Amino acid sequence: MTQAHSTFDLHDDPLIRQAALYGPEFVNHMLTLRALPQQVTETLAAAASATGHQDHRLRTHAAEELRTAQNLVYARQADVAQTRAILAQEEAALNEAMTNLNQVIDYLVKES
């Protein structure tokens, strides 16, 4: 019997392990968001070393990079909020199904 292998080799990371429940697209978004601060830092450092800190264009570029990162975070927060709402609906439906199953089981046990 062969054992199924996870798509992700990050099973030791609790966030990724939890996010994996929601699918690879969600995990990819999480990984992108985790890497974003480092990417912005590297971009700004590269621009600073090429042009110097006193360059107005660098400050403008840094502000644009940070606004882009901020917009990505806002968008992801909205996605997460929507996902939470969907999960809450699914959880409520599952709870109702479990209640109905318990009632049927109780009825069958009493009737036998």
C-alpha atoms as a PDB file:
ATOM      1  CA  MET A   1       0.000   0.000   0.000  1.00  0.00           C
ATOM      2  CA  THR A   2       1.461   3.380  -0.994  1.00  0.00           C
ATOM      3  CA  GLN A   3       1.140   6.342   1.260  1.00  0.00           C
ATOM      4  CA  ALA A   4      -0.060   9.670  -0.133  1.00  0.00           C
ATOM      5  CA  HIS A   5       2.537  12.408   0.014  1.00  0.00           C
ATOM      6  CA  SER A   6       1.719  15.977   0.881  1.00  0.00           C
ATOM      7  CA  THR A   7       2.099  18.601  -1.830  1.00  0.00           C
ATOM      8  CA  PHE A   8       3.926  20.735   0.730  1.00  0.00           C
ATOM      9  CA  ASP A   9       7.187  19.879   2.421  1.00  0.00           C
ATOM     10  CA  LEU A  10       6.452  22.481   5.101  1.00  0.00           C
ATOM     11  CA  HIS A  11       4.380  20.166   7.309  1.00  0.00           C
ATOM     12  CA  ASP A  12       6.383  21.174  10.384  1.00  0.00           C
ATOM     13  CA  ASP A  13       5.152  24.761  10.116  1.00  0.00           C
ATOM     14  CA  PRO A  14       1.851  25.068  12.063  1.00  0.00           C
ATOM     15  CA  LEU A  15       0.592  27.920   9.879  1.00  0.00           C
ATOM     16  CA  ILE A  16       1.239  26.014   6.671  1.00  0.00           C
ATOM     17  CA  ARG A  17      -0.159  22.818   8.150  1.00  0.00           C
ATOM     18  CA  GLN A  18      -3.356  24.670   9.045  1.00  0.00           C
ATOM     19  CA  ALA A  19      -3.460  26.577   5.768  1.00  0.00           C
ATOM     20  CA  ALA A  20      -2.997  23.342   3.823  1.00  0.00           C
ATOM     21  CA  LEU A  21      -6.508  22.422   4.918  1.00  0.00           C
ATOM     22  CA  TYR A  22      -7.785  25.267   2.753  1.00  0.00           C
ATOM     23  CA  GLY A  23      -5.879  24.294  -0.394  1.00  0.00           C
ATOM     24  CA  PRO A  24      -2.684  25.114  -2.248  1.00  0.00           C
ATOM     25  CA  GLU A  25      -3.839  28.540  -3.468  1.00  0.00           C
ATOM     26  CA  PHE A  26      -4.332  29.706   0.122  1.00  0.00           C
ATOM     27  CA  VAL A  27      -0.919  28.326   1.093  1.00  0.00           C
ATOM     28  CA  ASN A  28       0.716  30.109  -1.832  1.00  0.00           C
ATOM     29  CA  HIS A  29      -0.899  33.390  -0.740  1.00  0.00           C
ATOM     30  CA  MET A  30       0.354  32.855   2.805  1.00  0.00           C
ATOM     31  CA  LEU A  31       3.887  32.139   1.605  1.00  0.00           C
ATOM     32  CA  THR A  32       3.810  35.216  -0.625  1.00  0.00           C
ATOM     33  CA  LEU A  33       2.704  37.396   2.273  1.00  0.00           C
ATOM     34  CA  ARG A  34       5.390  35.934   4.536  1.00  0.00           C
ATOM     35  CA  ALA A  35       8.074  36.722   1.962  1.00  0.00           C
ATOM     36  CA  LEU A  36       6.800  40.217   1.198  1.00  0.00           C
ATOM     37  CA  PRO A  37       8.576  42.132   4.007  1.00  0.00           C
ATOM     38  CA  GLN A  38      11.901  40.548   3.068  1.00  0.00           C
ATOM     39  CA  GLN A  39      11.355  41.321  -0.617  1.00  0.00           C
ATOM     40  CA  VAL A  40      10.572  44.965   0.141  1.00  0.00           C
ATOM     41  CA  THR A  41      13.646  45.223   2.382  1.00  0.00           C
ATOM     42  CA  GLU A  42      15.873  43.705  -0.309  1.00  0.00           C
ATOM     43  CA  THR A  43      14.439  45.968  -3.012  1.00  0.00           C
ATOM     44  CA  LEU A  44      14.954  49.067  -0.884  1.00  0.00           C
ATOM     45  CA  ALA A  45      18.472  48.016   0.097  1.00  0.00           C
ATOM     46  CA  ALA A  46      19.396  47.420  -3.540  1.00  0.00           C
ATOM     47  CA  ALA A  47      17.958  50.769  -4.565  1.00  0.00           C
ATOM     48  CA  ALA A  48      19.727  52.514  -1.671  1.00  0.00           C
ATOM     49  CA  SER A  49      23.097  51.030  -2.564  1.00  0.00           C
ATOM     50  CA  ALA A  50      22.636  52.004  -6.214  1.00  0.00           C
ATOM     51  CA  THR A  51      21.398  55.570  -5.694  1.00  0.00           C
ATOM     52  CA  GLY A  52      22.132  56.579  -2.102  1.00  0.00           C
ATOM     53  CA  HIS A  53      19.680  57.394   0.688  1.00  0.00           C
ATOM     54  CA  GLN A  54      19.396  61.075  -0.178  1.00  0.00           C
ATOM     55  CA  ASP A  55      17.851  60.472  -3.571  1.00  0.00           C
ATOM     56  CA  HIS A  56      14.224  61.626  -3.711  1.00  0.00           C
ATOM     57  CA  ARG A  57      13.446  58.904  -6.248  1.00  0.00           C
ATOM     58  CA  LEU A  58      14.438  56.274  -3.691  1.00  0.00           C
ATOM     59  CA  ARG A  59      11.987  57.638  -1.138  1.00  0.00           C
ATOM     60  CA  THR A  60       9.257  57.753  -3.775  1.00  0.00           C
ATOM     61  CA  HIS A  61      10.072  54.208  -4.842  1.00  0.00           C
ATOM     62  CA  ALA A  62      10.089  53.022  -1.219  1.00  0.00           C
ATOM     63  CA  ALA A  63       6.705  54.627  -0.580  1.00  0.00           C
ATOM     64  CA  GLU A  64       5.274  53.005  -3.715  1.00  0.00           C
ATOM     65  CA  GLU A  65       6.650  49.597  -2.693  1.00  0.00           C
ATOM     66  CA  LEU A  66       5.164  49.961   0.770  1.00  0.00           C
ATOM     67  CA  ARG A  67       1.799  51.074  -0.617  1.00  0.00           C
ATOM     68  CA  THR A  68       1.786  48.051  -2.915  1.00  0.00           C
ATOM     69  CA  ALA A  69       2.587  45.774   0.027  1.00  0.00           C
ATOM     70  CA  GLN A  70      -0.107  47.469   2.089  1.00  0.00           C
ATOM     71  CA  ASN A  71      -2.685  46.980  -0.673  1.00  0.00           C
ATOM     72  CA  LEU A  72      -1.753  43.305  -0.929  1.00  0.00           C
ATOM     73  CA  VAL A  73      -2.187  42.870   2.819  1.00  0.00           C
ATOM     74  CA  TYR A  74      -5.573  44.645   2.763  1.00  0.00           C
ATOM     75  CA  ALA A  75      -6.713  42.442  -0.112  1.00  0.00           C
ATOM     76  CA  ARG A  76      -5.544  39.311   1.678  1.00  0.00           C
ATOM     77  CA  GLN A  77      -7.294  40.403   4.883  1.00  0.00           C
ATOM     78  CA  ALA A  78     -10.518  40.707   2.894  1.00  0.00           C
ATOM     79  CA  ASP A  79      -9.956  37.238   1.414  1.00  0.00           C
ATOM     80  CA  VAL A  80      -9.358  35.772   4.874  1.00  0.00           C
ATOM     81  CA  ALA A  81     -12.473  37.457   6.266  1.00  0.00           C
ATOM     82  CA  GLN A  82     -14.533  36.037   3.406  1.00  0.00           C
ATOM     83  CA  THR A  83     -13.018  32.589   3.935  1.00  0.00           C
ATOM     84  CA  ARG A  84     -13.816  32.772   7.650  1.00  0.00           C
ATOM     85  CA  ALA A  85     -17.433  33.644   6.855  1.00  0.00           C
ATOM     86  CA  ILE A  86     -17.688  30.692   4.475  1.00  0.00           C
ATOM     87  CA  LEU A  87     -16.090  28.381   7.040  1.00  0.00           C
ATOM     88  CA  ALA A  88     -18.488  29.604   9.729  1.00  0.00           C
ATOM     89  CA  GLN A  89     -21.428  28.786   7.458  1.00  0.00           C
ATOM     90  CA  GLU A  90     -19.995  25.352   6.733  1.00  0.00           C
ATOM     91  CA  GLU A  91     -19.380  24.736  10.431  1.00  0.00           C
ATOM     92  CA  ALA A  92     -22.983  25.676  11.242  1.00  0.00           C
ATOM     93  CA  ALA A  93     -24.241  23.328   8.526  1.00  0.00           C
ATOM     94  CA  LEU A  94     -22.044  20.512   9.854  1.00  0.00           C
ATOM     95  CA  ASN A  95     -23.267  21.103  13.402  1.00  0.00           C
ATOM     96  CA  GLU A  96     -26.869  20.940  12.201  1.00  0.00           C
ATOM     97  CA  ALA A  97     -26.120  17.739  10.270  1.00  0.00           C
ATOM     98  CA  MET A  98     -24.504  16.213  13.356  1.00  0.00           C
ATOM     99  CA  THR A  99     -27.516  17.148  15.482  1.00  0.00           C
ATOM    100  CA  ASN A 100     -29.844  15.545  12.937  1.00  0.00           C
ATOM    101  CA  LEU A 101     -27.698  12.407  12.797  1.00  0.00           C
ATOM    102  CA  ASN A 102     -27.686  12.137  16.579  1.00  0.00           C
ATOM    103  CA  GLN A 103     -31.474  12.457  16.651  1.00  0.00           C
ATOM    104  CA  VAL A 104     -31.866   9.717  14.049  1.00  0.00           C
ATOM    105  CA  ILE A 105     -29.428   7.453  15.907  1.00  0.00           C
ATOM    106  CA  ASP A 106     -31.271   8.049  19.189  1.00  0.00           C
ATOM    107  CA  TYR A 107     -34.579   7.275  17.505  1.00  0.00           C
ATOM    108  CA  LEU A 108     -33.225   4.046  15.963  1.00  0.00           C
ATOM    109  CA  VAL A 109     -31.755   2.922  19.286  1.00  0.00           C
ATOM    110  CA  LYS A 110     -35.055   3.566  21.110  1.00  0.00           C
ATOM    111  CA  GLU A 111     -37.062   1.743  18.433  1.00  0.00           C
ATOM    112  CA  SER A 112     -34.920  -1.387  18.446  1.00  0.00           C
END
